[in-house]
Amino acid sequence: MATRPKPGPHGEHRTPAAAVAAAVHDGKQHLLLAASGSVATIKLPLIISSFKNRSNLSIRVILTKSATHFLAGQSAEQPTVASLTSLPHVDSVHLDEDEWNEPWTRDSNILHIELRRWAHLLAIVPMSANLLAKVTGGLCDNLLTNVIRAWDIDSSNPKRRAIIVAPSMNSMMWAHPLTAKQLAILEEEWTWFEVLPTQVKLLACGDTGLGAMCEWTEIVKVIEKRLGFI
């Protein structure tokens, strides 16, 4: 389940959106990590833990509904969703229901907008075939796709922030002609995206081929470069 927002300075209740809004100007580097429905989601705890020595970092996590199925405490490499908040620098974990935490009223904060304002970088690791299709088709039917659709894409903005994506899917899904067309949109038309290459690997399904998410250690290096750590 998603994390409960911390109380305000006077002990008042805060929605998830209000808690994110309150942290926009905390002086830290803000990494928004997201995972969608791919087996590679199990690498998320490793990616998060690798930043343990980055003291000026705040991490918030978005999990799609399908991503949560890979983090249900099945094994040591698949801890529970709730346990992610105990990892270094993780300030919150958000699921789709956080978007509608309580009935919206005028002047209330909106979570997908506040997360976009908060984030200095969004890294979607992994991006499944389904999420790739949704994003390039303009769909925004959950928290993550709403954040992506609401992203600041103004090329004249010198502080425009990037979205890193690490695709991950079965080799036959990767070879499907739609995949190449959809990736071309991200790589050639939408300049605010950075697509990390997949690798050839023995996949969880037993097939061997191209389509596996790039090594999680390489993802960490890219994130550190984009945030200015190295």
Protein backbone atom coordinates (compact mmCIF):
# COMPACT_ATOMS: atom_id res chain seq x y z
CA MET A 1 0.00 0.00 0.00
CA ALA A 2 1.09 3.59 -0.50
CA THR A 3 2.76 5.50 2.28
CA ARG A 4 0.78 7.78 4.52
CA PRO A 5 1.74 11.45 4.15
CA LYS A 6 3.57 12.92 7.09
CA PRO A 7 1.55 15.36 9.23
CA GLY A 8 1.99 19.07 8.64
CA PRO A 9 4.09 21.26 10.95
CA HIS A 10 1.12 21.70 13.28
CA GLY A 11 0.01 18.07 13.18
CA GLU A 12 -2.73 18.63 10.60
CA HIS A 13 -3.68 15.93 8.09
CA ARG A 14 -2.07 16.28 4.68
CA THR A 15 -3.06 14.54 1.49
CA PRO A 16 -0.32 12.83 -0.57
CA ALA A 17 -0.48 15.74 -3.03
CA ALA A 18 -0.13 18.35 -0.28
CA ALA A 19 2.85 16.50 1.20
CA VAL A 20 4.62 16.53 -2.17
CA ALA A 21 3.81 20.21 -2.70
CA ALA A 22 5.29 21.07 0.69
CA ALA A 23 8.63 19.52 -0.33
CA VAL A 24 9.13 21.27 -3.67
CA HIS A 25 11.57 23.84 -2.24
CA ASP A 26 13.43 21.66 0.28
CA GLY A 27 16.80 22.27 -1.36
CA LYS A 28 17.36 18.64 -2.34
CA GLN A 29 17.75 16.86 -5.65
CA HIS A 30 14.43 15.23 -6.51
CA LEU A 31 14.35 11.84 -8.22
CA LEU A 32 10.97 10.48 -9.25
CA LEU A 33 11.34 6.74 -9.89
CA ALA A 34 8.57 4.79 -11.58
CA ALA A 35 8.03 1.15 -12.50
CA SER A 36 5.43 -0.48 -14.72
CA GLY A 37 4.35 -4.08 -15.32
CA SER A 38 7.58 -5.88 -16.14
CA VAL A 39 9.64 -8.49 -14.30
CA ALA A 40 12.48 -5.95 -14.27
CA THR A 41 10.55 -4.10 -11.57
CA ILE A 42 12.39 -6.35 -9.10
CA LYS A 43 15.54 -4.30 -9.80
CA LEU A 44 13.94 -1.19 -8.32
CA PRO A 45 15.13 -1.83 -4.72
CA LEU A 46 18.69 -2.25 -6.00
CA ILE A 47 18.50 1.01 -7.94
CA ILE A 48 17.16 2.88 -4.92
CA SER A 49 19.73 1.39 -2.52
CA SER A 50 22.59 2.44 -4.78
CA PHE A 51 21.91 6.10 -3.88
CA LYS A 52 22.37 5.56 -0.14
CA ASN A 53 25.44 7.82 0.01
CA ARG A 54 23.78 10.72 -1.84
CA SER A 55 22.81 12.72 1.22
CA ASN A 56 21.11 15.58 -0.62
CA LEU A 57 18.68 13.36 -2.48
CA SER A 58 14.94 12.82 -2.09
CA ILE A 59 13.29 9.90 -3.87
CA ARG A 60 9.60 9.39 -4.53
CA VAL A 61 8.31 6.25 -6.21
CA ILE A 62 5.33 5.61 -8.47
CA LEU A 63 4.18 2.04 -9.07
CA THR A 64 1.52 1.06 -11.56
CA LYS A 65 -0.99 -1.56 -10.43
CA SER A 66 0.74 -4.27 -12.47
CA ALA A 67 4.17 -3.33 -11.09
CA THR A 68 3.00 -4.05 -7.55
CA HIS A 69 2.55 -7.74 -8.41
CA PHE A 70 6.32 -8.10 -8.64
CA LEU A 71 6.88 -6.58 -5.19
CA ALA A 72 4.73 -8.58 -2.81
CA GLY A 73 7.35 -10.12 -0.52
CA GLN A 74 7.83 -13.24 -2.63
CA SER A 75 11.60 -13.36 -1.98
CA ALA A 76 14.56 -11.30 -0.79
CA GLU A 77 14.83 -9.65 -4.22
CA GLN A 78 11.08 -9.00 -4.24
CA PRO A 79 10.32 -7.14 -1.00
CA THR A 80 6.92 -5.65 -0.29
CA VAL A 81 5.84 -2.31 -1.69
CA ALA A 82 5.57 -0.94 1.85
CA SER A 83 9.19 -1.89 2.57
CA LEU A 84 10.44 0.48 -0.12
CA THR A 85 9.89 3.40 2.26
CA SER A 86 12.60 2.00 4.54
CA LEU A 87 15.21 2.31 1.80
CA PRO A 88 17.59 5.30 1.83
CA HIS A 89 16.10 8.69 0.90
CA VAL A 90 12.66 7.34 -0.10
CA ASP A 91 10.14 9.92 1.10
CA SER A 92 7.01 8.37 -0.38
CA VAL A 93 5.62 5.57 -2.54
CA HIS A 94 2.54 6.32 -4.62
CA LEU A 95 -0.08 4.06 -6.15
CA ASP A 96 -3.01 4.93 -8.39
CA GLU A 97 -5.40 5.34 -5.45
CA ASP A 98 -3.30 8.21 -4.09
CA GLU A 99 -4.56 10.33 -6.98
CA TRP A 100 -8.03 10.09 -5.44
CA ASN A 101 -7.01 9.94 -1.79
CA GLU A 102 -10.19 11.78 -0.83
CA PRO A 103 -12.91 13.69 -2.69
CA TRP A 104 -11.32 16.64 -4.46
CA THR A 105 -12.33 20.16 -3.51
CA ARG A 106 -11.48 23.45 -5.18
CA ASP A 107 -7.95 24.72 -4.42
CA SER A 108 -6.81 21.27 -3.33
CA ASN A 109 -3.47 19.97 -4.59
CA ILE A 110 -3.50 17.50 -7.48
CA LEU A 111 -0.99 14.69 -7.11
CA HIS A 112 0.18 14.19 -10.70
CA ILE A 113 0.72 17.94 -11.06
CA GLU A 114 2.59 18.24 -7.77
CA LEU A 115 4.84 15.29 -8.61
CA ARG A 116 5.70 16.90 -11.94
CA ARG A 117 6.51 20.19 -10.23
CA TRP A 118 8.57 18.41 -7.58
CA ALA A 119 10.67 16.16 -9.83
CA HIS A 120 14.03 17.20 -11.23
CA LEU A 121 14.15 13.92 -13.14
CA LEU A 122 11.68 11.13 -13.89
CA ALA A 123 13.14 7.67 -14.51
CA ILE A 124 10.74 4.93 -15.60
CA VAL A 125 12.60 1.72 -14.86
CA PRO A 126 11.21 -0.44 -16.32
CA MET A 127 8.89 0.79 -19.08
CA SER A 128 6.72 -2.11 -20.23
CA ALA A 129 5.35 -2.60 -23.74
CA ASN A 130 1.92 -1.64 -22.44
CA LEU A 131 3.16 1.61 -20.90
CA LEU A 132 5.11 2.45 -24.07
CA ALA A 133 1.92 2.03 -26.10
CA LYS A 134 -0.11 4.11 -23.66
CA VAL A 135 2.37 6.98 -23.53
CA THR A 136 2.90 7.26 -27.29
CA GLY A 137 -0.86 6.98 -27.82
CA GLY A 138 -1.54 9.82 -25.40
CA LEU A 139 -3.46 7.75 -22.84
CA CYS A 140 -3.43 8.88 -19.23
CA ASP A 141 -5.52 6.45 -17.23
CA ASN A 142 -3.41 6.07 -14.10
CA LEU A 143 -1.14 8.14 -11.89
CA LEU A 144 2.06 7.52 -13.85
CA THR A 145 0.60 8.23 -17.29
CA ASN A 146 -0.99 11.41 -15.93
CA VAL A 147 2.40 12.60 -14.66
CA ILE A 148 3.94 11.86 -18.06
CA ARG A 149 1.13 13.60 -19.99
CA ALA A 150 1.35 16.66 -17.70
CA TRP A 151 5.15 16.95 -18.09
CA ASP A 152 6.61 20.34 -19.03
CA ILE A 153 7.65 19.94 -22.68
CA ASP A 154 8.35 23.62 -23.41
CA SER A 155 11.65 23.54 -25.32
CA SER A 156 12.21 27.23 -24.58
CA ASN A 157 12.34 26.52 -20.84
CA PRO A 158 16.03 26.28 -19.86
CA LYS A 159 15.05 24.25 -16.79
CA ARG A 160 12.98 21.71 -18.71
CA ARG A 161 13.40 18.32 -17.07
CA ALA A 162 13.96 15.01 -18.76
CA ILE A 163 12.21 11.65 -18.63
CA ILE A 164 14.49 8.60 -18.76
CA VAL A 165 12.89 5.33 -19.81
CA ALA A 166 14.35 1.82 -19.75
CA PRO A 167 12.15 -0.43 -21.91
CA SER A 168 11.71 -4.03 -20.85
CA MET A 169 9.67 -6.70 -22.62
CA ASN A 170 9.72 -10.17 -24.19
CA SER A 171 11.90 -10.42 -27.29
CA MET A 172 8.90 -11.08 -29.54
CA MET A 173 7.17 -8.01 -28.14
CA TRP A 174 10.36 -6.04 -28.76
CA ALA A 175 10.50 -7.31 -32.38
CA HIS A 176 6.90 -6.31 -33.08
CA PRO A 177 6.80 -3.49 -35.68
CA LEU A 178 4.69 -1.32 -33.39
CA THR A 179 7.53 -1.20 -30.86
CA ALA A 180 9.92 0.41 -33.36
CA LYS A 181 7.28 2.98 -34.35
CA GLN A 182 6.52 3.86 -30.75
CA LEU A 183 10.20 4.13 -29.79
CA ALA A 184 10.78 6.42 -32.76
CA ILE A 185 8.25 8.84 -31.32
CA LEU A 186 10.18 9.03 -28.04
CA GLU A 187 13.64 9.09 -29.60
CA GLU A 188 13.08 11.28 -32.65
CA GLU A 189 10.03 13.44 -32.00
CA TRP A 190 9.73 13.96 -28.24
CA THR A 191 13.06 15.44 -27.22
CA TRP A 192 12.30 15.42 -23.49
CA PHE A 193 12.64 11.62 -23.47
CA GLU A 194 15.87 9.67 -23.18
CA VAL A 195 15.52 6.00 -24.11
CA LEU A 196 18.09 3.58 -22.66
CA PRO A 197 18.96 0.58 -24.86
CA THR A 198 17.74 -2.91 -24.09
CA GLN A 199 20.05 -5.92 -23.94
CA VAL A 200 20.13 -9.54 -25.11
CA LYS A 201 19.52 -11.82 -22.15
CA LEU A 202 17.85 -14.99 -20.93
CA LEU A 203 14.44 -13.62 -20.02
CA ALA A 204 12.29 -14.65 -17.08
CA CYS A 205 9.90 -16.42 -19.46
CA GLY A 206 12.71 -18.69 -20.69
CA ASP A 207 13.25 -17.01 -24.07
CA THR A 208 16.63 -15.55 -24.99
CA GLY A 209 16.72 -12.38 -27.02
CA LEU A 210 16.74 -8.61 -27.19
CA GLY A 211 14.27 -6.72 -25.01
CA ALA A 212 15.61 -7.11 -21.48
CA MET A 213 16.02 -3.90 -19.48
CA CYS A 214 19.56 -2.55 -19.54
CA GLU A 215 21.70 -3.39 -16.52
CA TRP A 216 20.42 -1.60 -13.43
CA THR A 217 23.94 -0.38 -12.67
CA GLU A 218 23.99 1.46 -16.00
CA ILE A 219 20.63 3.05 -15.16
CA VAL A 220 22.12 4.32 -11.90
CA LYS A 221 25.06 5.88 -13.77
CA VAL A 222 22.75 7.71 -16.17
CA ILE A 223 20.58 9.02 -13.33
CA GLU A 224 23.63 10.23 -11.41
CA LYS A 225 24.92 12.06 -14.49
CA ARG A 226 21.57 13.71 -15.21
CA LEU A 227 21.25 14.86 -11.59
CA GLY A 228 24.80 16.20 -11.62
CA PHE A 229 26.23 13.79 -9.06
CA ILE A 230 29.02 12.72 -11.47
